[in-house]
Amino acid sequence: MTAPVRVPFPVVDEVSRHCLQEEEPETVHIEVHLPGPVDQSRLRKAFTEALHRHPRILMREARGPWYRRRYEWELTPEPDVEVVTFAPSGPRALQDARTRALTEAPPLSVSPPIRLEVVDSVLVVTINHTALDGPACLRILATAAELYGGRDNAPAAPPVRPAEPRQEPSD
């Protein structure tokens, strides 16, 4: 078995890792309200495939002594845990999911540092901000939506301008 690929923490991640405080959430929370219920198996499959299409999200903090000078990410071929969960319906289900998103950051020691909780027709995405930012999460969601819907959501090519007629220089 080969050792996982290791990537040093970028400076921003390093600073964020050192400045963690219990009283401040280290999460990014994104909610997506859908027009209707989701197909659980199709969503789970689409989201997992989206993670594989963006392999830098499949990472965890590499183990090391507490006194190490640098932190490293360890890239993993598969998620260590089930990323997509489905909460039971109830009057406080969405509020409880929001509370969990703000208080329980996905651990850096488990790949990937993102979780998707589905409450009825609402997707609650939580990412550990030390590892990822909002735009990275939106890229994963866009890919998952493309795979779930079965259509390419890539932007269309820009229109081509017609060539301007060549003007002869006047004498």
N, C-alpha and C. Protein backbone atom coordinates (compact mmCIF):
# COMPACT_ATOMS: atom_id res chain seq x y z
N MET A 1 0.84 -1.18 0.00
CA MET A 1 0.00 0.00 0.00
C MET A 1 0.89 1.24 0.00
N THR A 2 0.58 2.18 -0.87
CA THR A 2 1.37 3.40 -0.95
C THR A 2 0.86 4.42 0.06
N ALA A 3 1.78 5.25 0.50
CA ALA A 3 1.42 6.31 1.45
C ALA A 3 0.60 7.37 0.73
N PRO A 4 -0.38 7.96 1.43
CA PRO A 4 -1.17 9.03 0.80
C PRO A 4 -0.31 10.23 0.45
N VAL A 5 -0.72 10.93 -0.59
CA VAL A 5 -0.03 12.15 -0.99
C VAL A 5 -0.24 13.20 0.09
N ARG A 6 0.84 13.90 0.43
CA ARG A 6 0.74 14.96 1.44
C ARG A 6 0.99 16.31 0.79
N VAL A 7 0.21 17.29 1.22
CA VAL A 7 0.30 18.65 0.70
C VAL A 7 0.43 19.58 1.90
N PRO A 8 1.44 20.46 1.93
CA PRO A 8 1.56 21.37 3.07
C PRO A 8 0.36 22.30 3.17
N PHE A 9 0.00 22.66 4.40
CA PHE A 9 -1.06 23.65 4.60
C PHE A 9 -0.60 24.95 3.95
N PRO A 10 -1.47 25.63 3.20
CA PRO A 10 -1.15 26.99 2.77
C PRO A 10 -1.08 27.89 4.01
N VAL A 11 -0.45 29.03 3.88
CA VAL A 11 -0.26 29.93 5.02
C VAL A 11 -1.60 30.29 5.68
N VAL A 12 -2.62 30.55 4.87
CA VAL A 12 -3.92 30.93 5.43
C VAL A 12 -4.49 29.79 6.28
N ASP A 13 -4.39 28.54 5.80
CA ASP A 13 -4.87 27.40 6.58
C ASP A 13 -4.06 27.25 7.86
N GLU A 14 -2.76 27.47 7.75
CA GLU A 14 -1.88 27.36 8.91
C GLU A 14 -2.28 28.36 10.00
N VAL A 15 -2.51 29.60 9.60
CA VAL A 15 -2.91 30.64 10.56
C VAL A 15 -4.27 30.29 11.16
N SER A 16 -5.20 29.88 10.31
CA SER A 16 -6.53 29.51 10.79
C SER A 16 -6.45 28.36 11.78
N ARG A 17 -5.61 27.38 11.50
CA ARG A 17 -5.44 26.21 12.38
C ARG A 17 -4.91 26.63 13.74
N HIS A 18 -3.98 27.58 13.78
CA HIS A 18 -3.39 28.02 15.04
C HIS A 18 -4.31 28.93 15.84
N CYS A 19 -5.25 29.58 15.18
CA CYS A 19 -6.11 30.57 15.84
C CYS A 19 -7.48 30.03 16.24
N LEU A 20 -7.66 28.72 16.18
CA LEU A 20 -8.96 28.14 16.55
C LEU A 20 -9.31 28.47 17.99
N GLN A 21 -10.56 28.84 18.20
CA GLN A 21 -11.07 29.11 19.54
C GLN A 21 -12.41 28.42 19.69
N GLU A 22 -12.64 27.82 20.84
CA GLU A 22 -13.88 27.10 21.08
C GLU A 22 -15.12 27.96 20.90
N GLU A 23 -15.04 29.24 21.33
CA GLU A 23 -16.24 30.09 21.30
C GLU A 23 -16.58 30.62 19.91
N GLU A 24 -15.70 30.45 18.95
CA GLU A 24 -15.97 30.94 17.59
C GLU A 24 -16.14 29.76 16.64
N PRO A 25 -17.28 29.68 15.96
CA PRO A 25 -17.45 28.56 15.02
C PRO A 25 -16.47 28.68 13.85
N GLU A 26 -15.97 27.56 13.43
CA GLU A 26 -15.02 27.53 12.31
C GLU A 26 -15.69 26.82 11.14
N THR A 27 -16.94 27.22 10.89
CA THR A 27 -17.69 26.56 9.83
C THR A 27 -18.19 27.57 8.81
N VAL A 28 -18.43 27.07 7.63
CA VAL A 28 -19.18 27.80 6.62
C VAL A 28 -20.47 26.99 6.45
N HIS A 29 -21.59 27.67 6.50
CA HIS A 29 -22.89 27.01 6.47
C HIS A 29 -23.64 27.55 5.26
N ILE A 30 -24.02 26.66 4.36
CA ILE A 30 -24.76 27.05 3.16
C ILE A 30 -26.05 26.22 3.12
N GLU A 31 -27.16 26.92 2.91
CA GLU A 31 -28.46 26.24 2.78
C GLU A 31 -28.94 26.36 1.35
N VAL A 32 -29.47 25.26 0.84
CA VAL A 32 -30.07 25.25 -0.49
C VAL A 32 -31.50 24.75 -0.33
N HIS A 33 -32.47 25.61 -0.65
CA HIS A 33 -33.88 25.24 -0.55
C HIS A 33 -34.35 24.79 -1.93
N LEU A 34 -34.76 23.54 -2.02
CA LEU A 34 -35.18 22.94 -3.28
C LEU A 34 -36.71 23.01 -3.41
N PRO A 35 -37.23 22.95 -4.64
CA PRO A 35 -38.68 23.06 -4.83
C PRO A 35 -39.45 21.81 -4.41
N GLY A 36 -38.78 20.71 -4.19
CA GLY A 36 -39.49 19.48 -3.83
C GLY A 36 -38.56 18.49 -3.16
N PRO A 37 -39.07 17.32 -2.81
CA PRO A 37 -38.24 16.31 -2.14
C PRO A 37 -37.16 15.76 -3.07
N VAL A 38 -36.11 15.22 -2.45
CA VAL A 38 -34.99 14.67 -3.22
C VAL A 38 -35.03 13.14 -3.19
N ASP A 39 -34.45 12.56 -4.21
CA ASP A 39 -34.25 11.12 -4.27
C ASP A 39 -32.97 10.84 -3.48
N GLN A 40 -33.10 10.18 -2.33
CA GLN A 40 -31.97 10.03 -1.42
C GLN A 40 -30.78 9.31 -2.06
N SER A 41 -31.01 8.19 -2.70
CA SER A 41 -29.88 7.45 -3.27
C SER A 41 -29.24 8.22 -4.42
N ARG A 42 -30.04 8.89 -5.22
CA ARG A 42 -29.49 9.67 -6.34
C ARG A 42 -28.66 10.85 -5.82
N LEU A 43 -29.14 11.51 -4.77
CA LEU A 43 -28.40 12.64 -4.21
C LEU A 43 -27.09 12.17 -3.59
N ARG A 44 -27.14 11.08 -2.85
CA ARG A 44 -25.92 10.55 -2.22
C ARG A 44 -24.89 10.18 -3.29
N LYS A 45 -25.34 9.53 -4.35
CA LYS A 45 -24.44 9.14 -5.44
C LYS A 45 -23.87 10.37 -6.14
N ALA A 46 -24.71 11.37 -6.43
CA ALA A 46 -24.25 12.58 -7.12
C ALA A 46 -23.25 13.35 -6.27
N PHE A 47 -23.52 13.48 -4.97
CA PHE A 47 -22.62 14.24 -4.10
C PHE A 47 -21.28 13.52 -3.94
N THR A 48 -21.32 12.21 -3.79
CA THR A 48 -20.07 11.44 -3.68
C THR A 48 -19.25 11.54 -4.96
N GLU A 49 -19.91 11.46 -6.10
CA GLU A 49 -19.20 11.61 -7.39
C GLU A 49 -18.62 13.01 -7.52
N ALA A 50 -19.34 14.02 -7.05
CA ALA A 50 -18.83 15.40 -7.10
C ALA A 50 -17.55 15.52 -6.27
N LEU A 51 -17.50 14.84 -5.14
CA LEU A 51 -16.28 14.86 -4.33
C LEU A 51 -15.11 14.26 -5.11
N HIS A 52 -15.37 13.20 -5.85
CA HIS A 52 -14.30 12.57 -6.63
C HIS A 52 -13.86 13.43 -7.81
N ARG A 53 -14.75 14.26 -8.32
CA ARG A 53 -14.37 15.14 -9.43
C ARG A 53 -13.57 16.35 -8.96
N HIS A 54 -13.58 16.60 -7.67
CA HIS A 54 -12.78 17.68 -7.08
C HIS A 54 -11.90 17.04 -6.00
N PRO A 55 -10.87 16.31 -6.40
CA PRO A 55 -10.12 15.47 -5.46
C PRO A 55 -9.43 16.22 -4.32
N ARG A 56 -9.21 17.53 -4.45
CA ARG A 56 -8.56 18.25 -3.34
C ARG A 56 -9.47 18.37 -2.12
N ILE A 57 -10.76 18.09 -2.28
CA ILE A 57 -11.65 18.13 -1.12
C ILE A 57 -11.54 16.83 -0.31
N LEU A 58 -11.08 15.76 -0.94
CA LEU A 58 -10.91 14.49 -0.24
C LEU A 58 -9.57 14.53 0.49
N MET A 59 -9.57 15.19 1.64
CA MET A 59 -8.33 15.36 2.40
C MET A 59 -8.65 15.38 3.88
N ARG A 60 -7.60 15.12 4.66
CA ARG A 60 -7.68 15.22 6.11
C ARG A 60 -6.34 15.73 6.60
N GLU A 61 -6.34 16.24 7.81
CA GLU A 61 -5.08 16.71 8.39
C GLU A 61 -4.22 15.49 8.69
N ALA A 62 -2.98 15.50 8.20
CA ALA A 62 -2.07 14.39 8.44
C ALA A 62 -1.69 14.34 9.91
N ARG A 63 -1.58 13.14 10.43
CA ARG A 63 -1.18 12.98 11.83
C ARG A 63 0.26 13.41 12.02
N GLY A 64 0.55 13.84 13.22
CA GLY A 64 1.90 14.25 13.55
C GLY A 64 1.96 14.67 15.00
N PRO A 65 3.16 14.85 15.52
CA PRO A 65 3.27 15.27 16.92
C PRO A 65 2.70 16.67 17.12
N TRP A 66 2.23 16.95 18.31
CA TRP A 66 1.61 18.24 18.60
C TRP A 66 2.59 19.39 18.42
N TYR A 67 3.88 19.12 18.53
CA TYR A 67 4.88 20.19 18.47
C TYR A 67 5.45 20.41 17.06
N ARG A 68 4.86 19.78 16.05
CA ARG A 68 5.40 19.94 14.69
C ARG A 68 5.33 21.39 14.24
N ARG A 69 6.23 21.73 13.36
CA ARG A 69 6.32 23.11 12.89
C ARG A 69 5.34 23.41 11.77
N ARG A 70 5.03 22.40 10.96
CA ARG A 70 4.13 22.61 9.81
C ARG A 70 3.04 21.54 9.83
N TYR A 71 1.89 21.92 9.36
CA TYR A 71 0.78 20.98 9.20
C TYR A 71 0.70 20.59 7.73
N GLU A 72 0.19 19.38 7.50
CA GLU A 72 0.04 18.91 6.12
C GLU A 72 -1.35 18.30 5.94
N TRP A 73 -1.85 18.42 4.70
CA TRP A 73 -3.07 17.72 4.32
C TRP A 73 -2.66 16.38 3.73
N GLU A 74 -3.47 15.39 3.97
CA GLU A 74 -3.25 14.06 3.41
C GLU A 74 -4.42 13.79 2.46
N LEU A 75 -4.13 13.63 1.18
CA LEU A 75 -5.18 13.37 0.20
C LEU A 75 -5.62 11.91 0.29
N THR A 76 -6.93 11.67 0.24
CA THR A 76 -7.46 10.32 0.38
C THR A 76 -8.23 9.94 -0.90
N PRO A 77 -8.21 8.67 -1.26
CA PRO A 77 -8.93 8.27 -2.47
C PRO A 77 -10.45 8.23 -2.28
N GLU A 78 -10.91 8.04 -1.06
CA GLU A 78 -12.34 7.92 -0.74
C GLU A 78 -12.63 8.69 0.54
N PRO A 79 -13.89 9.06 0.76
CA PRO A 79 -14.26 9.67 2.05
C PRO A 79 -14.06 8.66 3.18
N ASP A 80 -13.65 9.15 4.35
CA ASP A 80 -13.51 8.29 5.53
C ASP A 80 -14.86 8.00 6.18
N VAL A 81 -15.82 8.89 5.98
CA VAL A 81 -17.14 8.78 6.61
C VAL A 81 -18.23 9.02 5.57
N GLU A 82 -19.45 8.69 5.94
CA GLU A 82 -20.60 9.01 5.09
C GLU A 82 -20.82 10.51 5.19
N VAL A 83 -20.78 11.18 4.07
CA VAL A 83 -20.86 12.64 4.04
C VAL A 83 -22.31 13.12 4.03
N VAL A 84 -23.19 12.38 3.37
CA VAL A 84 -24.59 12.80 3.21
C VAL A 84 -25.45 12.08 4.25
N THR A 85 -26.21 12.86 5.03
CA THR A 85 -27.14 12.27 5.99
C THR A 85 -28.52 12.87 5.77
N PHE A 86 -29.53 12.12 6.17
CA PHE A 86 -30.92 12.55 6.01
C PHE A 86 -31.56 12.61 7.38
N ALA A 87 -31.93 13.83 7.80
CA ALA A 87 -32.53 14.03 9.11
C ALA A 87 -34.02 13.69 9.06
N PRO A 88 -34.54 13.14 10.14
CA PRO A 88 -35.98 12.87 10.17
C PRO A 88 -36.76 14.19 10.17
N SER A 89 -37.93 14.17 9.54
CA SER A 89 -38.77 15.37 9.49
C SER A 89 -39.31 15.69 10.87
N GLY A 90 -39.61 16.95 11.07
CA GLY A 90 -40.18 17.38 12.34
C GLY A 90 -40.27 18.88 12.37
N PRO A 91 -41.01 19.42 13.34
CA PRO A 91 -41.20 20.87 13.39
C PRO A 91 -39.90 21.65 13.64
N ARG A 92 -38.93 21.04 14.32
CA ARG A 92 -37.68 21.74 14.62
C ARG A 92 -36.50 21.15 13.84
N ALA A 93 -36.75 20.29 12.89
CA ALA A 93 -35.68 19.59 12.19
C ALA A 93 -34.72 20.54 11.50
N LEU A 94 -35.24 21.53 10.78
CA LEU A 94 -34.37 22.46 10.07
C LEU A 94 -33.60 23.34 11.04
N GLN A 95 -34.27 23.81 12.08
CA GLN A 95 -33.59 24.64 13.09
C GLN A 95 -32.48 23.84 13.77
N ASP A 96 -32.74 22.58 14.08
CA ASP A 96 -31.71 21.73 14.70
C ASP A 96 -30.54 21.51 13.75
N ALA A 97 -30.82 21.33 12.46
CA ALA A 97 -29.74 21.15 11.47
C ALA A 97 -28.90 22.42 11.38
N ARG A 98 -29.54 23.58 11.41
CA ARG A 98 -28.79 24.85 11.38
C ARG A 98 -27.90 24.98 12.62
N THR A 99 -28.43 24.61 13.77
CA THR A 99 -27.65 24.68 15.00
C THR A 99 -26.43 23.76 14.91
N ARG A 100 -26.64 22.53 14.42
CA ARG A 100 -25.51 21.61 14.26
C ARG A 100 -24.47 22.17 13.28
N ALA A 101 -24.94 22.80 12.21
CA ALA A 101 -24.02 23.36 11.21
C ALA A 101 -23.14 24.44 11.82
N LEU A 102 -23.67 25.18 12.77
CA LEU A 102 -22.89 26.27 13.38
C LEU A 102 -22.06 25.83 14.57
N THR A 103 -22.40 24.71 15.19
CA THR A 103 -21.69 24.30 16.40
C THR A 103 -20.79 23.09 16.22
N GLU A 104 -21.00 22.31 15.18
CA GLU A 104 -20.23 21.08 14.99
C GLU A 104 -19.49 21.12 13.66
N ALA A 105 -18.30 21.65 13.67
CA ALA A 105 -17.49 21.69 12.45
C ALA A 105 -17.02 20.28 12.11
N PRO A 106 -17.07 19.91 10.83
CA PRO A 106 -16.50 18.61 10.46
C PRO A 106 -15.03 18.58 10.88
N PRO A 107 -14.59 17.52 11.54
CA PRO A 107 -13.21 17.48 12.02
C PRO A 107 -12.20 17.46 10.87
N LEU A 108 -11.06 18.08 11.10
CA LEU A 108 -10.00 18.09 10.09
C LEU A 108 -9.33 16.73 9.98
N SER A 109 -9.48 15.89 10.99
CA SER A 109 -8.81 14.59 11.01
C SER A 109 -9.54 13.53 10.20
N VAL A 110 -10.71 13.87 9.64
CA VAL A 110 -11.52 12.92 8.88
C VAL A 110 -11.80 13.49 7.50
N SER A 111 -11.59 12.68 6.48
CA SER A 111 -11.80 13.12 5.09
C SER A 111 -13.23 12.83 4.67
N PRO A 112 -13.85 13.77 4.00
CA PRO A 112 -13.52 15.16 3.71
C PRO A 112 -14.09 16.09 4.79
N PRO A 113 -13.60 17.32 4.88
CA PRO A 113 -14.09 18.25 5.90
C PRO A 113 -15.37 18.97 5.47
N ILE A 114 -16.31 18.21 4.94
CA ILE A 114 -17.60 18.75 4.49
C ILE A 114 -18.69 17.75 4.85
N ARG A 115 -19.87 18.26 5.21
CA ARG A 115 -21.02 17.41 5.51
C ARG A 115 -22.25 18.00 4.83
N LEU A 116 -23.12 17.13 4.37
CA LEU A 116 -24.39 17.53 3.76
C LEU A 116 -25.50 16.84 4.52
N GLU A 117 -26.34 17.65 5.17
CA GLU A 117 -27.50 17.12 5.88
C GLU A 117 -28.75 17.55 5.12
N VAL A 118 -29.61 16.60 4.83
CA VAL A 118 -30.83 16.88 4.09
C VAL A 118 -32.01 16.83 5.06
N VAL A 119 -32.75 17.95 5.10
CA VAL A 119 -33.95 18.04 5.93
C VAL A 119 -35.11 18.35 4.98
N ASP A 120 -35.95 17.36 4.74
CA ASP A 120 -37.06 17.50 3.78
C ASP A 120 -36.50 17.93 2.42
N SER A 121 -36.77 19.16 1.99
CA SER A 121 -36.26 19.62 0.69
C SER A 121 -35.19 20.70 0.85
N VAL A 122 -34.51 20.70 2.00
CA VAL A 122 -33.45 21.68 2.26
C VAL A 122 -32.13 20.94 2.44
N LEU A 123 -31.11 21.41 1.71
CA LEU A 123 -29.76 20.88 1.87
C LEU A 123 -29.00 21.83 2.78
N VAL A 124 -28.45 21.30 3.87
CA VAL A 124 -27.66 22.10 4.80
C VAL A 124 -26.22 21.59 4.68
N VAL A 125 -25.37 22.42 4.10
CA VAL A 125 -23.98 22.04 3.87
C VAL A 125 -23.12 22.73 4.92
N THR A 126 -22.25 21.97 5.55
CA THR A 126 -21.33 22.50 6.55
C THR A 126 -19.92 22.12 6.16
N ILE A 127 -19.04 23.11 6.10
CA ILE A 127 -17.64 22.82 5.80
C ILE A 127 -16.77 23.42 6.89
N ASN A 128 -15.64 22.79 7.13
CA ASN A 128 -14.67 23.33 8.07
C ASN A 128 -13.91 24.43 7.34
N HIS A 129 -14.01 25.64 7.86
CA HIS A 129 -13.45 26.79 7.16
C HIS A 129 -11.93 26.78 7.11
N THR A 130 -11.28 26.06 8.00
CA THR A 130 -9.82 25.94 7.91
C THR A 130 -9.44 25.23 6.61
N ALA A 131 -10.26 24.29 6.19
CA ALA A 131 -9.94 23.49 5.00
C ALA A 131 -10.47 24.09 3.71
N LEU A 132 -11.69 24.63 3.74
CA LEU A 132 -12.33 25.09 2.51
C LEU A 132 -13.07 26.40 2.75
N ASP A 133 -13.37 27.08 1.65
CA ASP A 133 -14.15 28.31 1.75
C ASP A 133 -15.48 28.14 1.03
N GLY A 134 -16.30 29.17 1.09
CA GLY A 134 -17.62 29.12 0.46
C GLY A 134 -17.60 28.83 -1.03
N PRO A 135 -16.76 29.54 -1.81
CA PRO A 135 -16.72 29.26 -3.26
C PRO A 135 -16.34 27.82 -3.59
N ALA A 136 -15.44 27.23 -2.82
CA ALA A 136 -15.08 25.82 -3.06
C ALA A 136 -16.29 24.93 -2.82
N CYS A 137 -17.05 25.25 -1.78
CA CYS A 137 -18.25 24.48 -1.48
C CYS A 137 -19.28 24.63 -2.59
N LEU A 138 -19.42 25.84 -3.12
CA LEU A 138 -20.39 26.06 -4.20
C LEU A 138 -20.00 25.29 -5.46
N ARG A 139 -18.70 25.14 -5.72
CA ARG A 139 -18.27 24.34 -6.87
C ARG A 139 -18.69 22.88 -6.70
N ILE A 140 -18.54 22.36 -5.48
CA ILE A 140 -18.96 20.98 -5.21
C ILE A 140 -20.47 20.85 -5.40
N LEU A 141 -21.22 21.81 -4.86
CA LEU A 141 -22.68 21.78 -5.00
C LEU A 141 -23.11 21.87 -6.46
N ALA A 142 -22.45 22.72 -7.24
CA ALA A 142 -22.80 22.85 -8.66
C ALA A 142 -22.54 21.55 -9.41
N THR A 143 -21.43 20.90 -9.10
CA THR A 143 -21.12 19.62 -9.74
C THR A 143 -22.14 18.57 -9.33
N ALA A 144 -22.50 18.54 -8.04
CA ALA A 144 -23.49 17.57 -7.56
C ALA A 144 -24.85 17.82 -8.23
N ALA A 145 -25.22 19.09 -8.39
CA ALA A 145 -26.49 19.42 -9.05
C ALA A 145 -26.48 18.96 -10.50
N GLU A 146 -25.36 19.17 -11.16
CA GLU A 146 -25.22 18.73 -12.55
C GLU A 146 -25.38 17.22 -12.65
N LEU A 147 -24.73 16.49 -11.76
CA LEU A 147 -24.81 15.03 -11.78
C LEU A 147 -26.20 14.54 -11.38
N TYR A 148 -26.80 15.18 -10.40
CA TYR A 148 -28.14 14.79 -9.94
C TYR A 148 -29.18 15.03 -11.03
N GLY A 149 -29.06 16.16 -11.70
CA GLY A 149 -30.02 16.50 -12.75
C GLY A 149 -29.74 15.84 -14.08
N GLY A 150 -28.53 15.34 -14.26
CA GLY A 150 -28.19 14.67 -15.51
C GLY A 150 -27.91 15.61 -16.66
N ARG A 151 -27.72 16.89 -16.37
CA ARG A 151 -27.44 17.85 -17.44
C ARG A 151 -26.16 18.61 -17.15
N ASP A 152 -25.49 19.03 -18.19
CA ASP A 152 -24.27 19.80 -18.07
C ASP A 152 -24.63 21.25 -17.73
N ASN A 153 -24.10 21.74 -16.61
CA ASN A 153 -24.35 23.12 -16.20
C ASN A 153 -23.19 24.04 -16.55
N ALA A 154 -22.28 23.56 -17.38
CA ALA A 154 -21.14 24.40 -17.75
C ALA A 154 -21.63 25.62 -18.52
N PRO A 155 -20.99 26.76 -18.33
CA PRO A 155 -21.43 27.96 -19.06
C PRO A 155 -21.23 27.78 -20.56
N ALA A 156 -22.12 28.37 -21.31
CA ALA A 156 -22.03 28.29 -22.77
C ALA A 156 -20.84 29.12 -23.25
N ALA A 157 -20.31 28.75 -24.38
CA ALA A 157 -19.19 29.50 -24.95
C ALA A 157 -19.68 30.90 -25.32
N PRO A 158 -18.81 31.89 -25.19
CA PRO A 158 -19.23 33.25 -25.56
C PRO A 158 -19.49 33.33 -27.06
N PRO A 159 -20.38 34.25 -27.45
CA PRO A 159 -20.66 34.37 -28.89
C PRO A 159 -19.42 34.84 -29.65
N VAL A 160 -19.33 34.38 -30.87
CA VAL A 160 -18.19 34.75 -31.71
C VAL A 160 -18.54 36.02 -32.47
N ARG A 161 -17.65 36.98 -32.43
CA ARG A 161 -17.88 38.23 -33.17
C ARG A 161 -17.53 38.01 -34.63
N PRO A 162 -18.37 38.53 -35.50
CA PRO A 162 -18.02 38.41 -36.93
C PRO A 162 -16.81 39.30 -37.22
N ALA A 163 -16.03 38.85 -38.16
CA ALA A 163 -14.84 39.63 -38.53
C ALA A 163 -15.27 40.95 -39.16
N GLU A 164 -14.62 42.00 -38.78
CA GLU A 164 -14.94 43.31 -39.36
C GLU A 164 -14.34 43.38 -40.76
N PRO A 165 -15.05 44.02 -41.69
CA PRO A 165 -14.51 44.12 -43.05
C PRO A 165 -13.20 44.91 -43.02
N ARG A 166 -12.31 44.45 -43.82
CA ARG A 166 -10.99 45.10 -43.87
C ARG A 166 -11.11 46.43 -44.61
N GLN A 167 -10.57 47.45 -44.02
CA GLN A 167 -10.62 48.78 -44.64
C GLN A 167 -9.27 49.09 -45.25
N GLU A 168 -9.33 49.52 -46.48
CA GLU A 168 -8.10 49.90 -47.18
C GLU A 168 -7.68 51.28 -46.69
N PRO A 169 -6.39 51.48 -46.47
CA PRO A 169 -5.95 52.81 -46.04
C PRO A 169 -6.17 53.83 -47.15
N SER A 170 -6.64 54.98 -46.76
CA SER A 170 -6.87 56.05 -47.75
C SER A 170 -5.56 56.76 -48.04
N ASP A 171 -5.40 57.18 -49.30
CA ASP A 171 -4.16 57.85 -49.71
C ASP A 171 -4.18 59.30 -49.43
